[in-house]
Amino acid sequence: MDLKDFVGQALSDIVEAVLDAQTRLGTNGRYINPELSTQQGPLEKQGKLVSIQGQLVQTVEFDIAVTATSGTGTKGGIGVVVGAIALGSQGQSSAENSANSRIKFSVPITLPYGEKMHG
């Protein structure tokens, strides 16, 4: 997989994951990647991000190790390594090439305050 395909797939997967999380939360999906305020209130003047509902925006940081493998006798694949757990497709082969990469990104969220979850 070349760099263009790798970056395109990673970005597509991140966007799909955010959309999936928003869908799973139903009306509470608005807490994930909320619309930001353009006002210049006290928090914004301090460099903080604030949602249009006036909630402080937090960021969830992700730092993911990705291993791409290819070899004879297998289709190869891309695996996401999370701690000691490997997610994704991995194959075994007698002759194998692998490339390790890291993807760092963050997703802005707001946290509910005094609201009941409903989907």
N, C-alpha and C. Protein backbone atom coordinates (compact mmCIF):
# COMPACT_ATOMS: atom_id res chain seq x y z
N MET A 1 0.86 -1.17 0.00
CA MET A 1 0.00 0.00 0.00
C MET A 1 0.91 1.23 0.00
N ASP A 2 0.65 2.14 -0.93
CA ASP A 2 1.49 3.34 -0.96
C ASP A 2 0.95 4.39 0.02
N LEU A 3 1.71 5.47 0.20
CA LEU A 3 1.39 6.50 1.19
C LEU A 3 0.02 7.12 0.93
N LYS A 4 -0.30 7.40 -0.32
CA LYS A 4 -1.59 8.02 -0.65
C LYS A 4 -2.75 7.13 -0.22
N ASP A 5 -2.65 5.84 -0.52
CA ASP A 5 -3.70 4.90 -0.13
C ASP A 5 -3.79 4.77 1.39
N PHE A 6 -2.64 4.72 2.04
CA PHE A 6 -2.60 4.58 3.50
C PHE A 6 -3.27 5.79 4.17
N VAL A 7 -2.87 6.99 3.78
CA VAL A 7 -3.43 8.21 4.37
C VAL A 7 -4.93 8.31 4.08
N GLY A 8 -5.32 8.04 2.84
CA GLY A 8 -6.73 8.08 2.46
C GLY A 8 -7.57 7.10 3.26
N GLN A 9 -7.05 5.88 3.44
CA GLN A 9 -7.78 4.87 4.21
C GLN A 9 -7.87 5.26 5.68
N ALA A 10 -6.77 5.77 6.23
CA ALA A 10 -6.76 6.18 7.64
C ALA A 10 -7.77 7.29 7.88
N LEU A 11 -7.78 8.30 7.02
CA LEU A 11 -8.72 9.41 7.18
C LEU A 11 -10.17 8.94 7.02
N SER A 12 -10.41 8.07 6.05
CA SER A 12 -11.75 7.53 5.85
C SER A 12 -12.21 6.76 7.09
N ASP A 13 -11.32 5.94 7.64
CA ASP A 13 -11.66 5.15 8.82
C ASP A 13 -11.96 6.05 10.02
N ILE A 14 -11.19 7.13 10.20
CA ILE A 14 -11.42 8.05 11.32
C ILE A 14 -12.78 8.72 11.18
N VAL A 15 -13.10 9.23 9.99
CA VAL A 15 -14.39 9.88 9.76
C VAL A 15 -15.53 8.89 9.97
N GLU A 16 -15.40 7.68 9.43
CA GLU A 16 -16.45 6.67 9.61
C GLU A 16 -16.62 6.30 11.08
N ALA A 17 -15.53 6.25 11.84
CA ALA A 17 -15.62 5.93 13.26
C ALA A 17 -16.36 7.03 14.02
N VAL A 18 -16.10 8.29 13.69
CA VAL A 18 -16.80 9.40 14.34
C VAL A 18 -18.28 9.36 13.99
N LEU A 19 -18.61 9.14 12.72
CA LEU A 19 -20.01 9.05 12.31
C LEU A 19 -20.71 7.88 13.00
N ASP A 20 -20.01 6.74 13.12
CA ASP A 20 -20.57 5.58 13.78
C ASP A 20 -20.86 5.87 15.25
N ALA A 21 -19.92 6.53 15.92
CA ALA A 21 -20.13 6.87 17.34
C ALA A 21 -21.29 7.85 17.50
N GLN A 22 -21.39 8.83 16.61
CA GLN A 22 -22.51 9.78 16.67
C GLN A 22 -23.84 9.06 16.47
N THR A 23 -23.89 8.14 15.52
CA THR A 23 -25.10 7.39 15.24
C THR A 23 -25.49 6.51 16.42
N ARG A 24 -24.51 5.84 17.02
CA ARG A 24 -24.78 4.97 18.17
C ARG A 24 -25.38 5.75 19.34
N LEU A 25 -24.96 7.00 19.50
CA LEU A 25 -25.46 7.81 20.62
C LEU A 25 -26.78 8.49 20.31
N GLY A 26 -27.26 8.39 19.08
CA GLY A 26 -28.54 9.01 18.72
C GLY A 26 -28.49 10.51 18.95
N THR A 27 -29.47 11.06 19.68
CA THR A 27 -29.50 12.51 19.91
C THR A 27 -28.30 12.97 20.73
N ASN A 28 -27.68 12.08 21.49
CA ASN A 28 -26.48 12.45 22.24
C ASN A 28 -25.23 12.45 21.38
N GLY A 29 -25.35 12.09 20.11
CA GLY A 29 -24.23 12.15 19.19
C GLY A 29 -23.71 13.56 18.99
N ARG A 30 -24.51 14.54 19.37
CA ARG A 30 -24.09 15.94 19.23
C ARG A 30 -22.89 16.27 20.11
N TYR A 31 -22.60 15.41 21.09
CA TYR A 31 -21.45 15.64 21.97
C TYR A 31 -20.12 15.31 21.28
N ILE A 32 -20.18 14.56 20.20
CA ILE A 32 -18.97 14.17 19.49
C ILE A 32 -18.79 15.11 18.30
N ASN A 33 -17.66 15.77 18.25
CA ASN A 33 -17.34 16.77 17.23
C ASN A 33 -18.43 17.84 17.15
N PRO A 34 -18.67 18.55 18.26
CA PRO A 34 -19.76 19.52 18.29
C PRO A 34 -19.46 20.77 17.46
N GLU A 35 -20.52 21.47 17.09
CA GLU A 35 -20.35 22.74 16.39
C GLU A 35 -19.76 23.74 17.37
N LEU A 36 -18.75 24.46 16.93
CA LEU A 36 -18.03 25.37 17.83
C LEU A 36 -18.61 26.77 17.80
N SER A 37 -18.50 27.45 18.91
CA SER A 37 -18.94 28.84 19.04
C SER A 37 -17.92 29.75 18.36
N THR A 38 -18.42 30.80 17.74
CA THR A 38 -17.54 31.80 17.13
C THR A 38 -17.50 33.08 17.96
N GLN A 39 -18.15 33.07 19.11
CA GLN A 39 -18.15 34.24 19.99
C GLN A 39 -16.78 34.39 20.64
N GLN A 40 -16.53 35.55 21.19
CA GLN A 40 -15.28 35.79 21.89
C GLN A 40 -15.56 36.03 23.37
N GLY A 41 -16.10 35.02 24.04
CA GLY A 41 -16.35 35.09 25.47
C GLY A 41 -15.07 34.86 26.24
N PRO A 42 -15.16 34.82 27.58
CA PRO A 42 -13.96 34.66 28.41
C PRO A 42 -13.17 33.39 28.12
N LEU A 43 -13.86 32.27 27.90
CA LEU A 43 -13.14 31.02 27.62
C LEU A 43 -12.44 31.07 26.27
N GLU A 44 -13.14 31.59 25.26
CA GLU A 44 -12.54 31.67 23.92
C GLU A 44 -11.32 32.59 23.94
N LYS A 45 -11.38 33.66 24.73
CA LYS A 45 -10.24 34.58 24.82
C LYS A 45 -9.03 33.93 25.48
N GLN A 46 -9.26 32.87 26.25
CA GLN A 46 -8.17 32.11 26.86
C GLN A 46 -7.67 30.99 25.95
N GLY A 47 -8.19 30.94 24.73
CA GLY A 47 -7.76 29.92 23.77
C GLY A 47 -8.51 28.61 23.90
N LYS A 48 -9.58 28.58 24.67
CA LYS A 48 -10.38 27.36 24.84
C LYS A 48 -11.41 27.26 23.72
N LEU A 49 -11.75 26.04 23.37
CA LEU A 49 -12.83 25.80 22.42
C LEU A 49 -14.13 25.62 23.19
N VAL A 50 -15.20 26.22 22.68
CA VAL A 50 -16.50 26.16 23.33
C VAL A 50 -17.53 25.79 22.26
N SER A 51 -18.48 24.92 22.62
CA SER A 51 -19.53 24.55 21.67
C SER A 51 -20.54 25.68 21.58
N ILE A 52 -21.41 25.62 20.57
CA ILE A 52 -22.44 26.67 20.44
C ILE A 52 -23.43 26.62 21.59
N GLN A 53 -23.47 25.49 22.33
CA GLN A 53 -24.32 25.40 23.51
C GLN A 53 -23.62 25.98 24.75
N GLY A 54 -22.38 26.46 24.58
CA GLY A 54 -21.64 27.04 25.69
C GLY A 54 -20.85 26.05 26.53
N GLN A 55 -20.73 24.81 26.05
CA GLN A 55 -19.99 23.78 26.79
C GLN A 55 -18.52 23.79 26.39
N LEU A 56 -17.66 23.59 27.38
CA LEU A 56 -16.23 23.49 27.12
C LEU A 56 -15.97 22.24 26.29
N VAL A 57 -15.17 22.40 25.25
CA VAL A 57 -14.84 21.28 24.37
C VAL A 57 -13.54 20.64 24.83
N GLN A 58 -13.57 19.33 25.02
CA GLN A 58 -12.40 18.53 25.38
C GLN A 58 -11.91 17.86 24.10
N THR A 59 -10.71 17.36 24.11
CA THR A 59 -10.25 16.55 22.98
C THR A 59 -9.81 15.19 23.49
N VAL A 60 -10.21 14.17 22.78
CA VAL A 60 -9.76 12.81 23.06
C VAL A 60 -8.62 12.55 22.09
N GLU A 61 -7.44 12.31 22.64
CA GLU A 61 -6.24 12.12 21.84
C GLU A 61 -6.04 10.64 21.53
N PHE A 62 -5.72 10.34 20.30
CA PHE A 62 -5.42 8.97 19.89
C PHE A 62 -4.01 8.93 19.31
N ASP A 63 -3.25 7.93 19.69
CA ASP A 63 -1.91 7.68 19.15
C ASP A 63 -1.88 6.19 18.87
N ILE A 64 -2.00 5.85 17.60
CA ILE A 64 -2.21 4.45 17.20
C ILE A 64 -1.02 3.96 16.38
N ALA A 65 -0.54 2.77 16.72
CA ALA A 65 0.50 2.12 15.93
C ALA A 65 -0.18 1.25 14.88
N VAL A 66 0.27 1.39 13.64
CA VAL A 66 -0.31 0.64 12.53
C VAL A 66 0.81 -0.15 11.86
N THR A 67 0.56 -1.42 11.61
CA THR A 67 1.53 -2.27 10.93
C THR A 67 0.93 -2.78 9.64
N ALA A 68 1.60 -2.55 8.54
CA ALA A 68 1.17 -3.08 7.24
C ALA A 68 2.11 -4.22 6.87
N THR A 69 1.56 -5.37 6.51
CA THR A 69 2.38 -6.51 6.14
C THR A 69 2.02 -7.00 4.75
N SER A 70 2.99 -7.54 4.09
CA SER A 70 2.75 -8.21 2.81
C SER A 70 3.77 -9.33 2.69
N GLY A 71 3.38 -10.39 2.03
CA GLY A 71 4.30 -11.51 1.89
C GLY A 71 3.77 -12.51 0.89
N THR A 72 4.58 -13.48 0.57
CA THR A 72 4.16 -14.51 -0.37
C THR A 72 3.24 -15.48 0.33
N GLY A 73 2.23 -15.92 -0.35
CA GLY A 73 1.32 -16.91 0.20
C GLY A 73 0.20 -16.32 1.03
N THR A 74 0.19 -15.00 1.22
CA THR A 74 -0.89 -14.38 1.97
C THR A 74 -1.33 -13.12 1.23
N LYS A 75 -2.46 -12.61 1.61
CA LYS A 75 -2.94 -11.34 1.07
C LYS A 75 -2.32 -10.16 1.82
N GLY A 76 -1.69 -10.44 2.96
CA GLY A 76 -1.15 -9.36 3.79
C GLY A 76 -2.29 -8.62 4.45
N GLY A 77 -2.05 -7.39 4.84
CA GLY A 77 -3.11 -6.61 5.44
C GLY A 77 -2.57 -5.51 6.31
N ILE A 78 -3.48 -4.81 6.94
CA ILE A 78 -3.14 -3.73 7.85
C ILE A 78 -3.70 -4.09 9.21
N GLY A 79 -2.90 -3.96 10.23
CA GLY A 79 -3.35 -4.23 11.58
C GLY A 79 -3.14 -3.02 12.46
N VAL A 80 -4.07 -2.78 13.34
CA VAL A 80 -3.94 -1.70 14.31
C VAL A 80 -3.54 -2.33 15.63
N VAL A 81 -2.44 -1.89 16.20
CA VAL A 81 -1.94 -2.45 17.45
C VAL A 81 -2.34 -1.53 18.59
N VAL A 82 -3.14 -2.06 19.52
CA VAL A 82 -3.57 -1.31 20.69
C VAL A 82 -3.05 -2.06 21.91
N GLY A 83 -1.99 -1.55 22.48
CA GLY A 83 -1.37 -2.26 23.60
C GLY A 83 -0.91 -3.63 23.14
N ALA A 84 -1.33 -4.66 23.83
CA ALA A 84 -0.95 -6.02 23.46
C ALA A 84 -2.00 -6.66 22.56
N ILE A 85 -3.02 -5.91 22.18
CA ILE A 85 -4.11 -6.45 21.38
C ILE A 85 -3.94 -5.98 19.94
N ALA A 86 -4.02 -6.88 18.99
CA ALA A 86 -3.94 -6.52 17.57
C ALA A 86 -5.31 -6.63 16.95
N LEU A 87 -5.74 -5.56 16.29
CA LEU A 87 -7.02 -5.55 15.60
C LEU A 87 -6.75 -5.45 14.11
N GLY A 88 -7.50 -6.17 13.30
CA GLY A 88 -7.34 -6.06 11.86
C GLY A 88 -6.96 -7.39 11.26
N SER A 89 -6.59 -7.34 10.00
CA SER A 89 -6.26 -8.54 9.24
C SER A 89 -4.76 -8.72 9.22
N GLN A 90 -4.31 -9.89 9.62
CA GLN A 90 -2.90 -10.19 9.59
C GLN A 90 -2.71 -11.58 9.01
N GLY A 91 -1.68 -11.75 8.22
CA GLY A 91 -1.42 -13.07 7.63
C GLY A 91 -0.02 -13.53 7.96
N GLN A 92 0.23 -14.83 7.79
CA GLN A 92 1.55 -15.37 8.02
C GLN A 92 2.11 -15.82 6.70
N SER A 93 3.41 -15.70 6.55
CA SER A 93 4.06 -16.06 5.32
C SER A 93 5.51 -16.39 5.59
N SER A 94 6.13 -17.13 4.67
CA SER A 94 7.54 -17.44 4.85
C SER A 94 8.41 -16.24 4.48
N ALA A 95 7.98 -15.42 3.55
CA ALA A 95 8.71 -14.20 3.19
C ALA A 95 7.76 -13.03 3.43
N GLU A 96 8.11 -12.17 4.39
CA GLU A 96 7.17 -11.13 4.79
C GLU A 96 7.87 -9.78 4.87
N ASN A 97 7.20 -8.75 4.39
CA ASN A 97 7.65 -7.38 4.54
C ASN A 97 6.65 -6.66 5.42
N SER A 98 7.14 -5.78 6.30
CA SER A 98 6.21 -5.04 7.12
C SER A 98 6.69 -3.60 7.25
N ALA A 99 5.72 -2.71 7.47
CA ALA A 99 6.02 -1.29 7.69
C ALA A 99 5.21 -0.84 8.89
N ASN A 100 5.87 -0.16 9.80
CA ASN A 100 5.20 0.34 10.98
C ASN A 100 5.00 1.85 10.85
N SER A 101 3.83 2.31 11.22
CA SER A 101 3.52 3.73 11.18
C SER A 101 2.76 4.09 12.43
N ARG A 102 2.69 5.36 12.73
CA ARG A 102 1.89 5.85 13.85
C ARG A 102 0.94 6.89 13.29
N ILE A 103 -0.27 6.85 13.81
CA ILE A 103 -1.28 7.85 13.45
C ILE A 103 -1.67 8.54 14.75
N LYS A 104 -1.57 9.86 14.77
CA LYS A 104 -2.00 10.64 15.92
C LYS A 104 -3.10 11.58 15.46
N PHE A 105 -4.21 11.59 16.20
CA PHE A 105 -5.29 12.51 15.89
C PHE A 105 -6.11 12.71 17.15
N SER A 106 -6.96 13.72 17.13
CA SER A 106 -7.83 13.96 18.27
C SER A 106 -9.24 14.22 17.77
N VAL A 107 -10.19 13.88 18.61
CA VAL A 107 -11.60 14.10 18.30
C VAL A 107 -12.17 15.02 19.37
N PRO A 108 -12.72 16.18 18.97
CA PRO A 108 -13.31 17.08 19.96
C PRO A 108 -14.65 16.54 20.46
N ILE A 109 -14.85 16.64 21.77
CA ILE A 109 -16.12 16.23 22.36
C ILE A 109 -16.51 17.22 23.45
N THR A 110 -17.77 17.24 23.77
CA THR A 110 -18.23 17.90 24.99
C THR A 110 -18.82 16.81 25.86
N LEU A 111 -18.82 17.05 27.14
CA LEU A 111 -19.35 16.05 28.05
C LEU A 111 -20.71 16.50 28.56
N PRO A 112 -21.67 15.57 28.63
CA PRO A 112 -22.99 15.95 29.13
C PRO A 112 -22.91 16.32 30.61
N TYR A 113 -23.76 17.24 31.00
CA TYR A 113 -23.79 17.66 32.39
C TYR A 113 -25.24 17.63 32.85
N GLY A 114 -25.53 16.74 33.79
CA GLY A 114 -26.88 16.67 34.36
C GLY A 114 -27.96 16.24 33.40
N GLU A 115 -27.58 15.52 32.33
CA GLU A 115 -28.56 15.05 31.36
C GLU A 115 -28.60 13.54 31.40
N LYS A 116 -29.76 12.97 31.11
CA LYS A 116 -29.88 11.53 31.02
C LYS A 116 -29.60 11.11 29.59
N MET A 117 -28.90 9.99 29.44
CA MET A 117 -28.62 9.46 28.11
C MET A 117 -29.90 8.89 27.51
N HIS A 118 -30.13 9.22 26.27
CA HIS A 118 -31.22 8.61 25.53
C HIS A 118 -30.79 8.49 24.10
N GLY A 119 -31.18 7.41 23.46
CA GLY A 119 -30.70 7.14 22.11
C GLY A 119 -31.81 7.19 21.19
